[in-house]
Amino acid sequence: MKRNLKRKILFFISFVFLIVLKNADPFVGIDVTVTNNSSETISDIKLMYSGGMRKIASLNSNASRKKHVDPGNESTLEISYINSQGKKFERDLGLYFESDSSGYINIEIFENGEMRFEEESNYELELWFFWKVACLSGLIIWFILFWKYRNRRKSLPQVRLTNNC
């Protein structure tokens, strides 16, 4: 009973470590929200940066969509889209991001291609990096303890009961 309880506790701790490690990565990068405040549907929305491109499906009037962008290297952010008449709009937002930037950008698209955006950066990534390293080292320690416990169980002497008197 005690052995099973120890196993359950160790499994729970490792499960928590894995969840924290998995969720630590999205804090690096930028959350971009594009809102269509025009009266027409816009399509083929693309967010372009040096690390790649993120496509957003078309947006109806007064709709918004959120995407996570991880610039990877230092880069600027550009947006392009096509309105319902087929006219293509492109704009360099003039925002410069470093490789470890985080934060959010809200982009609002109005009639005739007018855009307004607000941006907030957050450079407090050291705390998340600390938690990621702490969880990774916790997992490593857990595996070391698990293998020691497993090997100790295998090395216990085996007792055989016989009917010889």
Protein backbone atom coordinates (compact mmCIF):
# COMPACT_ATOMS: atom_id res chain seq x y z
CA MET A 1 0.00 0.00 0.00
CA LYS A 2 2.78 2.40 0.94
CA ARG A 3 4.67 1.57 -2.25
CA ASN A 4 1.61 2.30 -4.41
CA LEU A 5 1.07 5.61 -2.64
CA LYS A 6 4.68 6.62 -3.34
CA ARG A 7 4.24 5.72 -7.00
CA LYS A 8 1.03 7.74 -7.26
CA ILE A 9 2.65 10.77 -5.64
CA LEU A 10 5.70 10.56 -7.92
CA PHE A 11 3.47 10.18 -10.97
CA PHE A 12 1.41 13.22 -9.95
CA ILE A 13 4.53 15.34 -9.41
CA SER A 14 5.96 14.35 -12.81
CA PHE A 15 2.61 15.09 -14.45
CA VAL A 16 2.61 18.61 -12.94
CA PHE A 17 6.22 19.14 -14.07
CA LEU A 18 5.32 18.14 -17.64
CA ILE A 19 2.30 20.46 -17.73
CA VAL A 20 4.37 23.42 -16.53
CA LEU A 21 7.12 22.65 -19.05
CA LYS A 22 4.62 22.36 -21.89
CA ASN A 23 2.90 25.63 -21.02
CA ALA A 24 6.07 27.64 -20.41
CA ASP A 25 6.86 28.06 -24.11
CA PRO A 26 3.82 30.13 -25.16
CA PHE A 27 4.96 32.96 -22.89
CA VAL A 28 7.72 33.71 -25.39
CA GLY A 29 6.21 35.37 -28.40
CA ILE A 30 3.51 37.84 -29.23
CA ASP A 31 -0.25 37.35 -29.16
CA VAL A 32 -1.70 39.24 -32.13
CA THR A 33 -5.42 40.02 -32.20
CA VAL A 34 -6.82 41.27 -35.50
CA THR A 35 -10.23 42.95 -35.35
CA ASN A 36 -12.29 43.86 -38.43
CA ASN A 37 -14.13 47.12 -37.64
CA SER A 38 -15.10 47.75 -41.25
CA SER A 39 -18.45 46.95 -42.82
CA GLU A 40 -16.95 44.47 -45.28
CA THR A 41 -15.44 41.00 -45.03
CA ILE A 42 -11.67 40.84 -45.30
CA SER A 43 -9.81 37.71 -46.35
CA ASP A 44 -6.35 36.24 -46.77
CA ILE A 45 -4.96 37.97 -43.68
CA LYS A 46 -1.25 37.29 -43.23
CA LEU A 47 1.10 38.27 -40.41
CA MET A 48 4.63 38.22 -41.79
CA TYR A 49 7.89 38.31 -39.83
CA SER A 50 11.44 37.05 -40.34
CA GLY A 51 10.67 33.74 -38.60
CA GLY A 52 7.80 32.94 -40.97
CA MET A 53 4.19 33.79 -41.58
CA ARG A 54 0.87 33.19 -39.80
CA LYS A 55 -2.32 33.06 -41.83
CA ILE A 56 -5.64 34.11 -40.38
CA ALA A 57 -8.88 33.05 -42.02
CA SER A 58 -11.23 35.68 -43.35
CA LEU A 59 -12.97 37.96 -40.87
CA ASN A 60 -16.55 39.14 -41.17
CA SER A 61 -17.54 42.62 -40.08
CA ASN A 62 -16.97 43.27 -36.35
CA ALA A 63 -15.17 39.96 -35.85
CA SER A 64 -11.74 39.30 -34.37
CA ARG A 65 -9.24 36.49 -34.28
CA LYS A 66 -6.19 35.88 -32.09
CA LYS A 67 -2.94 34.18 -33.17
CA HIS A 68 0.34 33.50 -31.38
CA VAL A 69 3.48 34.65 -33.21
CA ASP A 70 6.98 33.61 -32.17
CA PRO A 71 9.41 35.82 -34.13
CA GLY A 72 12.38 33.53 -33.46
CA ASN A 73 15.01 36.10 -34.44
CA GLU A 74 14.94 39.87 -34.37
CA SER A 75 12.24 40.94 -36.79
CA THR A 76 9.57 43.43 -37.70
CA LEU A 77 5.90 42.63 -38.12
CA GLU A 78 3.91 43.25 -41.32
CA ILE A 79 0.26 42.61 -42.08
CA SER A 80 -1.49 42.13 -45.41
CA TYR A 81 -5.10 41.39 -46.33
CA ILE A 82 -7.60 41.59 -49.19
CA ASN A 83 -10.91 43.42 -48.82
CA SER A 84 -14.22 42.31 -50.35
CA GLN A 85 -13.56 44.29 -53.58
CA GLY A 86 -10.30 42.38 -54.13
CA LYS A 87 -7.98 45.25 -53.22
CA LYS A 88 -4.83 44.19 -51.39
CA PHE A 89 -3.58 46.18 -48.41
CA GLU A 90 -0.09 45.78 -46.92
CA ARG A 91 1.45 47.61 -44.03
CA ASP A 92 4.67 47.38 -42.07
CA LEU A 93 3.65 48.04 -38.49
CA GLY A 94 7.10 49.38 -37.68
CA LEU A 95 7.39 47.22 -34.57
CA TYR A 96 10.75 45.63 -33.81
CA PHE A 97 10.87 42.44 -31.77
CA GLU A 98 13.81 40.70 -30.18
CA SER A 99 14.09 36.92 -30.01
CA ASP A 100 12.83 36.73 -26.41
CA SER A 101 10.04 39.32 -26.72
CA SER A 102 6.64 38.70 -25.29
CA GLY A 103 3.47 40.71 -25.12
CA TYR A 104 0.45 41.42 -27.26
CA ILE A 105 -0.64 43.53 -30.21
CA ASN A 106 -4.21 44.55 -30.98
CA ILE A 107 -4.72 45.51 -34.64
CA GLU A 108 -7.97 47.16 -35.71
CA ILE A 109 -8.84 47.41 -39.40
CA PHE A 110 -11.24 50.17 -40.50
CA GLU A 111 -12.77 51.28 -43.80
CA ASN A 112 -10.45 52.01 -46.77
CA GLY A 113 -7.50 50.13 -45.28
CA GLU A 114 -7.01 52.36 -42.25
CA MET A 115 -5.39 50.53 -39.33
CA ARG A 116 -4.81 51.29 -35.70
CA PHE A 117 -2.80 49.15 -33.35
CA GLU A 118 -1.73 49.10 -29.74
CA GLU A 119 1.23 47.13 -28.50
CA GLU A 120 2.48 46.15 -25.08
CA SER A 121 5.72 44.28 -24.51
CA ASN A 122 6.63 42.26 -21.49
CA TYR A 123 10.28 41.49 -20.82
CA GLU A 124 9.80 39.61 -17.54
CA LEU A 125 10.75 36.27 -19.06
CA GLU A 126 13.45 35.52 -16.52
CA LEU A 127 10.80 34.28 -14.08
CA TRP A 128 9.31 31.86 -16.65
CA PHE A 129 12.78 30.72 -17.63
CA PHE A 130 13.49 30.02 -13.95
CA TRP A 131 10.30 27.94 -13.63
CA LYS A 132 11.10 26.02 -16.79
CA VAL A 133 14.62 25.19 -15.58
CA ALA A 134 13.29 24.30 -12.13
CA CYS A 135 10.69 21.92 -13.58
CA LEU A 136 13.18 20.33 -15.93
CA SER A 137 15.66 19.75 -13.10
CA GLY A 138 12.79 18.38 -10.99
CA LEU A 139 11.97 15.87 -13.73
CA ILE A 140 15.62 14.82 -13.96
CA ILE A 141 15.81 14.32 -10.18
CA TRP A 142 12.54 12.38 -10.26
CA PHE A 143 13.88 10.01 -12.95
CA ILE A 144 17.11 9.48 -11.00
CA LEU A 145 15.15 8.63 -7.84
CA PHE A 146 12.81 6.38 -9.81
CA TRP A 147 15.70 4.38 -11.30
CA LYS A 148 17.41 4.08 -7.91
CA TYR A 149 14.17 2.85 -6.35
CA ARG A 150 13.61 0.43 -9.24
CA ASN A 151 17.14 -0.98 -9.01
CA ARG A 152 16.88 -1.32 -5.23
CA ARG A 153 13.74 -3.41 -5.59
CA LYS A 154 15.49 -5.70 -8.08
CA SER A 155 18.48 -6.25 -5.80
CA LEU A 156 16.48 -7.40 -2.79
CA PRO A 157 17.21 -11.02 -1.85
CA GLN A 158 14.65 -13.50 -3.05
CA VAL A 159 13.24 -15.83 -0.40
CA ARG A 160 11.87 -19.16 -1.53
CA LEU A 161 9.62 -21.27 0.59
CA THR A 162 10.05 -25.00 0.32
CA ASN A 163 8.30 -27.93 1.88
CA ASN A 164 11.54 -29.67 2.85
CA CYS A 165 11.74 -30.14 6.59
